[in-house]
Amino acid sequence: MERLWHWFTKALLQDLAGVGSVVICPWHKYIVALESGHSYYYDLQRQLKDKGARQRVHDVKVSHDRSLL
């Protein structure tokens, strides 16, 4: 995933300790785990909090440089 839905903004891909691979919206700072679809945020004490599953996830297979759902 390279692009997001707002004006083709580039997504930020990171590994987050205790969560795994996440995508972060650079505009809104939304954090979404790629494997579970859980959404996360940092509270006022900078503690990572889980909002639960907010996004659907799908298994993806890559074959001959093509992504298949």
N, C-alpha and C. Protein backbone atom coordinates (compact mmCIF):
# COMPACT_ATOMS: atom_id res chain seq x y z
N MET A 1 0.85 -1.17 0.00
CA MET A 1 0.00 0.00 0.00
C MET A 1 0.90 1.23 0.00
N GLU A 2 0.75 2.04 -1.01
CA GLU A 2 1.56 3.25 -1.08
C GLU A 2 0.71 4.50 -0.99
N ARG A 3 -0.52 4.43 -1.44
CA ARG A 3 -1.34 5.64 -1.52
C ARG A 3 -2.56 5.54 -0.62
N LEU A 4 -2.98 6.67 -0.09
CA LEU A 4 -4.21 6.74 0.70
C LEU A 4 -5.30 7.41 -0.12
N TRP A 5 -6.47 7.52 0.43
CA TRP A 5 -7.63 8.01 -0.29
C TRP A 5 -7.69 9.52 -0.36
N HIS A 6 -6.88 10.30 0.37
CA HIS A 6 -6.95 11.75 0.25
C HIS A 6 -5.89 12.26 -0.70
N TRP A 7 -6.31 12.65 -1.84
CA TRP A 7 -5.46 13.31 -2.81
C TRP A 7 -4.15 12.59 -3.05
N PHE A 8 -4.18 11.27 -3.00
CA PHE A 8 -3.02 10.44 -3.31
C PHE A 8 -1.84 10.68 -2.35
N THR A 9 -2.16 10.91 -1.11
CA THR A 9 -1.13 11.08 -0.09
C THR A 9 -0.39 9.77 0.13
N LYS A 10 0.91 9.83 0.31
CA LYS A 10 1.68 8.61 0.57
C LYS A 10 1.46 8.14 2.01
N ALA A 11 1.22 6.86 2.17
CA ALA A 11 1.06 6.25 3.49
C ALA A 11 2.44 6.04 4.11
N LEU A 12 2.47 6.08 5.42
CA LEU A 12 3.70 5.79 6.14
C LEU A 12 3.61 4.37 6.68
N LEU A 13 4.53 3.51 6.32
CA LEU A 13 4.56 2.14 6.80
C LEU A 13 5.62 2.03 7.88
N GLN A 14 5.26 1.45 9.02
CA GLN A 14 6.19 1.31 10.13
C GLN A 14 5.92 0.03 10.88
N ASP A 15 6.91 -0.41 11.64
CA ASP A 15 6.72 -1.49 12.61
C ASP A 15 6.55 -0.84 13.97
N LEU A 16 5.48 -1.19 14.66
CA LEU A 16 5.18 -0.62 15.96
C LEU A 16 5.32 -1.71 17.01
N ALA A 17 6.14 -1.46 18.02
CA ALA A 17 6.40 -2.46 19.06
C ALA A 17 5.10 -2.95 19.68
N GLY A 18 4.94 -4.25 19.75
CA GLY A 18 3.75 -4.85 20.35
C GLY A 18 2.56 -4.94 19.43
N VAL A 19 2.64 -4.34 18.26
CA VAL A 19 1.53 -4.33 17.31
C VAL A 19 1.92 -5.01 16.00
N GLY A 20 3.08 -4.69 15.48
CA GLY A 20 3.53 -5.22 14.19
C GLY A 20 3.51 -4.14 13.14
N SER A 21 3.30 -4.53 11.90
CA SER A 21 3.30 -3.58 10.79
C SER A 21 2.03 -2.74 10.81
N VAL A 22 2.21 -1.43 10.68
CA VAL A 22 1.08 -0.51 10.67
C VAL A 22 1.23 0.46 9.51
N VAL A 23 0.11 1.03 9.10
CA VAL A 23 0.10 2.13 8.14
C VAL A 23 -0.41 3.35 8.91
N ILE A 24 0.22 4.50 8.66
CA ILE A 24 -0.14 5.73 9.37
C ILE A 24 -0.50 6.80 8.34
N CYS A 25 -1.65 7.42 8.53
CA CYS A 25 -2.07 8.53 7.68
C CYS A 25 -1.28 9.77 8.08
N PRO A 26 -0.51 10.35 7.16
CA PRO A 26 0.30 11.52 7.51
C PRO A 26 -0.54 12.76 7.80
N TRP A 27 -1.77 12.82 7.33
CA TRP A 27 -2.62 13.97 7.59
C TRP A 27 -3.30 13.88 8.95
N HIS A 28 -3.92 12.72 9.23
CA HIS A 28 -4.73 12.56 10.43
C HIS A 28 -4.03 11.80 11.55
N LYS A 29 -2.89 11.19 11.24
CA LYS A 29 -2.13 10.39 12.20
C LYS A 29 -2.87 9.14 12.65
N TYR A 30 -3.85 8.68 11.84
CA TYR A 30 -4.51 7.40 12.14
C TYR A 30 -3.47 6.29 12.02
N ILE A 31 -3.52 5.35 12.94
CA ILE A 31 -2.61 4.20 12.94
C ILE A 31 -3.47 2.95 12.80
N VAL A 32 -3.22 2.15 11.77
CA VAL A 32 -4.01 0.94 11.54
C VAL A 32 -3.06 -0.24 11.34
N ALA A 33 -3.28 -1.31 12.12
CA ALA A 33 -2.47 -2.52 12.01
C ALA A 33 -2.86 -3.28 10.75
N LEU A 34 -1.86 -3.68 9.97
CA LEU A 34 -2.14 -4.33 8.70
C LEU A 34 -2.71 -5.74 8.86
N GLU A 35 -2.28 -6.48 9.86
CA GLU A 35 -2.77 -7.86 10.00
C GLU A 35 -4.14 -7.95 10.65
N SER A 36 -4.43 -7.10 11.64
CA SER A 36 -5.67 -7.22 12.39
C SER A 36 -6.73 -6.21 12.01
N GLY A 37 -6.34 -5.06 11.44
CA GLY A 37 -7.30 -4.01 11.15
C GLY A 37 -7.60 -3.14 12.36
N HIS A 38 -6.93 -3.40 13.49
CA HIS A 38 -7.16 -2.60 14.68
C HIS A 38 -6.60 -1.20 14.48
N SER A 39 -7.31 -0.22 15.05
CA SER A 39 -6.90 1.17 14.98
C SER A 39 -6.32 1.57 16.34
N TYR A 40 -5.27 2.38 16.31
CA TYR A 40 -4.59 2.79 17.54
C TYR A 40 -4.43 4.30 17.58
N TYR A 41 -4.25 4.82 18.80
CA TYR A 41 -3.97 6.23 18.99
C TYR A 41 -3.11 6.39 20.24
N TYR A 42 -2.48 7.55 20.36
CA TYR A 42 -1.72 7.86 21.57
C TYR A 42 -2.56 8.79 22.43
N ASP A 43 -2.71 8.43 23.71
CA ASP A 43 -3.47 9.29 24.62
C ASP A 43 -2.59 10.46 25.07
N LEU A 44 -3.10 11.29 25.97
CA LEU A 44 -2.38 12.49 26.40
C LEU A 44 -1.09 12.18 27.14
N GLN A 45 -0.98 10.98 27.71
CA GLN A 45 0.26 10.55 28.37
C GLN A 45 1.20 9.81 27.41
N ARG A 46 0.87 9.86 26.11
CA ARG A 46 1.66 9.20 25.06
C ARG A 46 1.68 7.68 25.20
N GLN A 47 0.61 7.12 25.77
CA GLN A 47 0.43 5.68 25.85
C GLN A 47 -0.38 5.22 24.64
N LEU A 48 0.06 4.14 24.01
CA LEU A 48 -0.65 3.62 22.84
C LEU A 48 -1.93 2.92 23.28
N LYS A 49 -3.06 3.31 22.71
CA LYS A 49 -4.37 2.74 23.04
C LYS A 49 -4.99 2.11 21.80
N ASP A 50 -5.70 1.00 22.02
CA ASP A 50 -6.34 0.25 20.94
C ASP A 50 -7.82 0.62 20.87
N LYS A 51 -8.29 1.04 19.69
CA LYS A 51 -9.72 1.34 19.50
C LYS A 51 -10.49 0.12 19.00
N GLY A 52 -9.80 -1.00 18.82
CA GLY A 52 -10.45 -2.20 18.32
C GLY A 52 -10.38 -2.29 16.80
N ALA A 53 -10.99 -3.34 16.27
CA ALA A 53 -10.97 -3.57 14.82
C ALA A 53 -11.84 -2.53 14.13
N ARG A 54 -11.23 -1.71 13.30
CA ARG A 54 -11.93 -0.64 12.58
C ARG A 54 -11.87 -0.82 11.07
N GLN A 55 -10.96 -1.64 10.59
CA GLN A 55 -10.79 -1.84 9.15
C GLN A 55 -10.89 -3.33 8.84
N ARG A 56 -11.49 -3.63 7.70
CA ARG A 56 -11.50 -5.02 7.23
C ARG A 56 -10.10 -5.37 6.72
N VAL A 57 -9.72 -6.61 6.89
CA VAL A 57 -8.44 -7.08 6.37
C VAL A 57 -8.69 -8.25 5.43
N HIS A 58 -7.80 -8.42 4.47
CA HIS A 58 -7.92 -9.50 3.48
C HIS A 58 -6.55 -10.14 3.30
N ASP A 59 -6.55 -11.44 3.11
CA ASP A 59 -5.30 -12.13 2.78
C ASP A 59 -4.91 -11.76 1.36
N VAL A 60 -3.64 -11.48 1.17
CA VAL A 60 -3.13 -11.10 -0.14
C VAL A 60 -2.01 -12.04 -0.52
N LYS A 61 -2.04 -12.51 -1.76
CA LYS A 61 -0.99 -13.38 -2.27
C LYS A 61 -0.28 -12.63 -3.39
N VAL A 62 1.05 -12.64 -3.37
CA VAL A 62 1.83 -12.01 -4.43
C VAL A 62 2.37 -13.11 -5.33
N SER A 63 2.05 -13.02 -6.61
CA SER A 63 2.49 -14.02 -7.58
C SER A 63 2.93 -13.30 -8.84
N HIS A 64 4.16 -13.53 -9.24
CA HIS A 64 4.72 -12.92 -10.44
C HIS A 64 4.55 -11.39 -10.42
N ASP A 65 4.90 -10.79 -9.27
CA ASP A 65 4.82 -9.33 -9.08
C ASP A 65 3.40 -8.78 -9.18
N ARG A 66 2.41 -9.61 -8.94
CA ARG A 66 1.02 -9.16 -8.92
C ARG A 66 0.39 -9.51 -7.59
N SER A 67 -0.40 -8.61 -7.05
CA SER A 67 -1.11 -8.84 -5.79
C SER A 67 -2.48 -9.41 -6.09
N LEU A 68 -2.81 -10.52 -5.43
CA LEU A 68 -4.10 -11.18 -5.63
C LEU A 68 -4.85 -11.25 -4.31
N LEU A 69 -6.10 -10.84 -4.31
CA LEU A 69 -6.95 -10.95 -3.11
C LEU A 69 -7.68 -12.26 -3.11
